[in-house]
Protein backbone atom coordinates (compact mmCIF):
# COMPACT_ATOMS: atom_id res chain seq x y z
CA UNK A 1 109.97 57.53 244.19
CA UNK A 2 113.68 57.96 244.84
CA UNK A 3 116.09 55.12 244.22
CA UNK A 4 117.56 53.84 247.49
CA UNK A 5 121.24 53.29 248.21
CA UNK A 6 120.78 49.50 248.59
CA UNK A 7 119.03 49.45 245.18
CA UNK A 8 121.99 51.30 243.63
CA UNK A 9 124.47 48.90 245.28
CA UNK A 10 122.53 45.92 243.89
CA UNK A 11 122.41 47.61 240.48
CA UNK A 12 126.19 48.06 240.57
CA UNK A 13 126.63 44.37 241.36
CA UNK A 14 124.32 43.43 238.47
CA UNK A 15 126.57 45.35 236.06
CA UNK A 16 129.73 43.88 237.66
CA UNK A 17 128.38 40.37 237.02
CA UNK A 18 128.81 41.01 233.28
CA UNK A 19 132.62 41.18 233.67
CA UNK A 20 134.32 37.93 232.63
CA UNK A 21 135.91 36.01 235.50
CA UNK A 22 134.91 38.43 238.28
CA UNK A 23 133.32 37.42 241.59
CA UNK A 24 130.87 40.05 242.78
CA UNK A 25 128.78 41.13 245.75
CA UNK A 26 126.44 44.05 246.47
CA UNK A 27 128.33 44.79 249.71
CA UNK A 28 131.81 44.32 251.21
CA UNK A 29 131.97 40.56 251.89
CA UNK A 30 133.78 39.19 254.91
CA UNK A 31 135.91 36.79 252.88
CA UNK A 32 136.03 37.83 249.20
CA UNK A 33 137.13 35.24 246.63
CA UNK A 34 139.51 37.01 244.23
CA UNK A 35 139.23 38.38 241.71
CA UNK A 36 136.37 40.22 243.35
CA UNK A 37 134.63 43.57 243.07
CA UNK A 38 131.94 45.14 245.23
CA UNK A 39 130.51 48.58 246.06
CA UNK A 40 130.93 50.29 249.42
CA UNK A 41 128.25 52.37 251.13
CA UNK A 42 128.91 55.97 250.00
CA UNK A 43 129.50 59.05 252.09
CA UNK A 44 126.23 60.99 252.10
CA UNK A 45 126.16 64.80 252.31
CA UNK A 46 122.50 65.02 253.37
CA UNK A 47 122.11 68.77 253.03
CA UNK A 48 123.41 68.67 249.47
CA UNK A 49 121.81 65.48 248.20
CA UNK A 50 118.85 63.87 249.89
CA UNK A 51 115.37 65.38 249.67
CA UNK A 52 116.16 67.21 246.45
CA UNK A 53 114.73 66.69 242.96
CA UNK A 54 118.10 65.28 241.85
CA UNK A 55 121.12 64.19 243.81
CA UNK A 56 124.68 63.06 243.21
CA UNK A 57 126.50 60.43 245.25
CA UNK A 58 130.08 59.23 245.00
CA UNK A 59 130.36 55.47 245.25
CA UNK A 60 133.54 53.44 245.51
CA UNK A 61 133.87 49.98 244.01
CA UNK A 62 136.70 47.89 245.44
CA UNK A 63 138.62 45.50 243.18
CA UNK A 64 140.75 42.75 244.75
CA UNK A 65 143.02 40.39 242.81
CA UNK A 66 144.96 37.52 244.36
CA UNK A 67 148.61 38.29 244.91
CA UNK A 68 150.03 34.78 244.45
CA UNK A 69 152.06 35.78 241.41
CA UNK A 70 153.14 39.40 241.07
CA UNK A 71 153.13 39.64 237.27
CA UNK A 72 149.93 37.65 236.77
CA UNK A 73 148.07 39.61 239.45
CA UNK A 74 149.20 42.99 238.13
CA UNK A 75 148.27 42.14 234.55
CA UNK A 76 144.85 40.91 235.68
CA UNK A 77 144.40 44.13 237.67
CA UNK A 78 145.29 46.08 234.51
CA UNK A 79 142.71 44.16 232.47
CA UNK A 80 139.94 44.99 234.97
CA UNK A 81 141.08 48.65 235.01
CA UNK A 82 141.15 48.93 231.20
CA UNK A 83 138.68 51.23 229.47
CA UNK A 84 137.38 48.53 227.13
CA UNK A 85 137.22 44.77 226.81
CA UNK A 86 135.30 41.89 228.36
CA UNK A 87 137.13 42.37 231.67
CA UNK A 88 136.72 46.15 231.79
CA UNK A 89 134.89 47.19 234.95
CA UNK A 90 134.53 50.73 233.61
CA UNK A 91 132.85 49.51 230.42
CA UNK A 92 130.51 47.24 232.39
CA UNK A 93 129.46 49.94 234.86
CA UNK A 94 128.90 52.58 232.20
CA UNK A 95 127.23 50.06 229.86
CA UNK A 96 123.65 50.33 228.73
CA UNK A 97 123.81 53.95 227.62
CA UNK A 98 123.53 52.88 223.99
CA UNK A 99 119.94 51.74 224.50
CA UNK A 100 118.71 53.93 227.37
CA UNK A 101 120.37 57.26 226.69
CA UNK A 102 122.08 58.47 229.85
CA UNK A 103 120.09 56.16 232.15
CA UNK A 104 122.16 53.34 233.57
CA UNK A 105 121.90 50.46 236.05
CA UNK A 106 118.79 49.32 234.15
CA UNK A 107 117.10 52.68 234.65
CA UNK A 108 117.71 52.95 238.41
CA UNK A 109 119.75 56.13 238.07
CA UNK A 110 119.89 59.05 235.66
CA UNK A 111 123.61 58.78 235.00
CA UNK A 112 126.69 56.93 236.19
CA UNK A 113 130.23 58.02 235.39
CA UNK A 114 133.38 56.17 236.37
CA UNK A 115 135.65 59.07 237.28
CA UNK A 116 138.80 57.02 237.79
CA UNK A 117 140.64 54.02 239.17
CA UNK A 118 143.23 54.22 241.95
CA UNK A 119 145.43 51.14 242.38
CA UNK A 120 146.08 50.72 246.09
CA UNK A 121 148.79 48.10 245.79
CA UNK A 122 148.84 45.46 248.52
CA UNK A 123 145.63 45.30 250.56
CA UNK A 124 145.34 43.22 253.74
CA UNK A 125 141.91 41.69 254.17
CA UNK A 126 141.26 38.99 256.77
CA UNK A 127 144.98 38.17 256.94
CA UNK A 128 145.13 37.49 253.19
CA UNK A 129 147.20 39.66 250.87
CA UNK A 130 145.57 41.06 247.74
CA UNK A 131 146.54 43.66 245.22
CA UNK A 132 143.72 45.89 244.20
CA UNK A 133 142.30 49.30 243.81
CA UNK A 134 139.22 51.48 243.97
CA UNK A 135 136.98 52.76 241.19
CA UNK A 136 135.33 56.12 241.92
CA UNK A 137 131.79 56.43 240.55
CA UNK A 138 129.64 59.53 240.33
CA UNK A 139 125.95 58.63 240.32
CA UNK A 140 123.18 61.09 239.55
CA UNK A 141 119.62 60.03 240.45
CA UNK A 142 116.16 61.44 240.91
CA UNK A 143 115.18 62.37 244.44
CA UNK A 144 111.81 62.54 246.11
């Protein structure tokens, strides 16, 4: 049976929970408590993905860091964007390959690759200012 998009979003949150000091959700919360990270529902090219033996989806994971202090917020953003370390979102999301081969998200998907991080700068959410960015994930999974 194919893995569903909500299952993948929950799997992403499970991996994000392993990042030190990060508040997480499996959806875009109405009032995120920074630092926070959460996946967004992906764009779905149905003719190219769904109903096939394998499919690829591009997910985005939003990272928001409080903007009270410029330097502190930017350095924290840099720690979460780093390739390694206990605050590395990339390392957390791609983690688990050592024991399961390419399978990630506890076996929900065949492969997950963090393609990049794009810092957005100041983000306005519910009248609060954050600095943040977006991680772009490529997820390959088995279809029906």
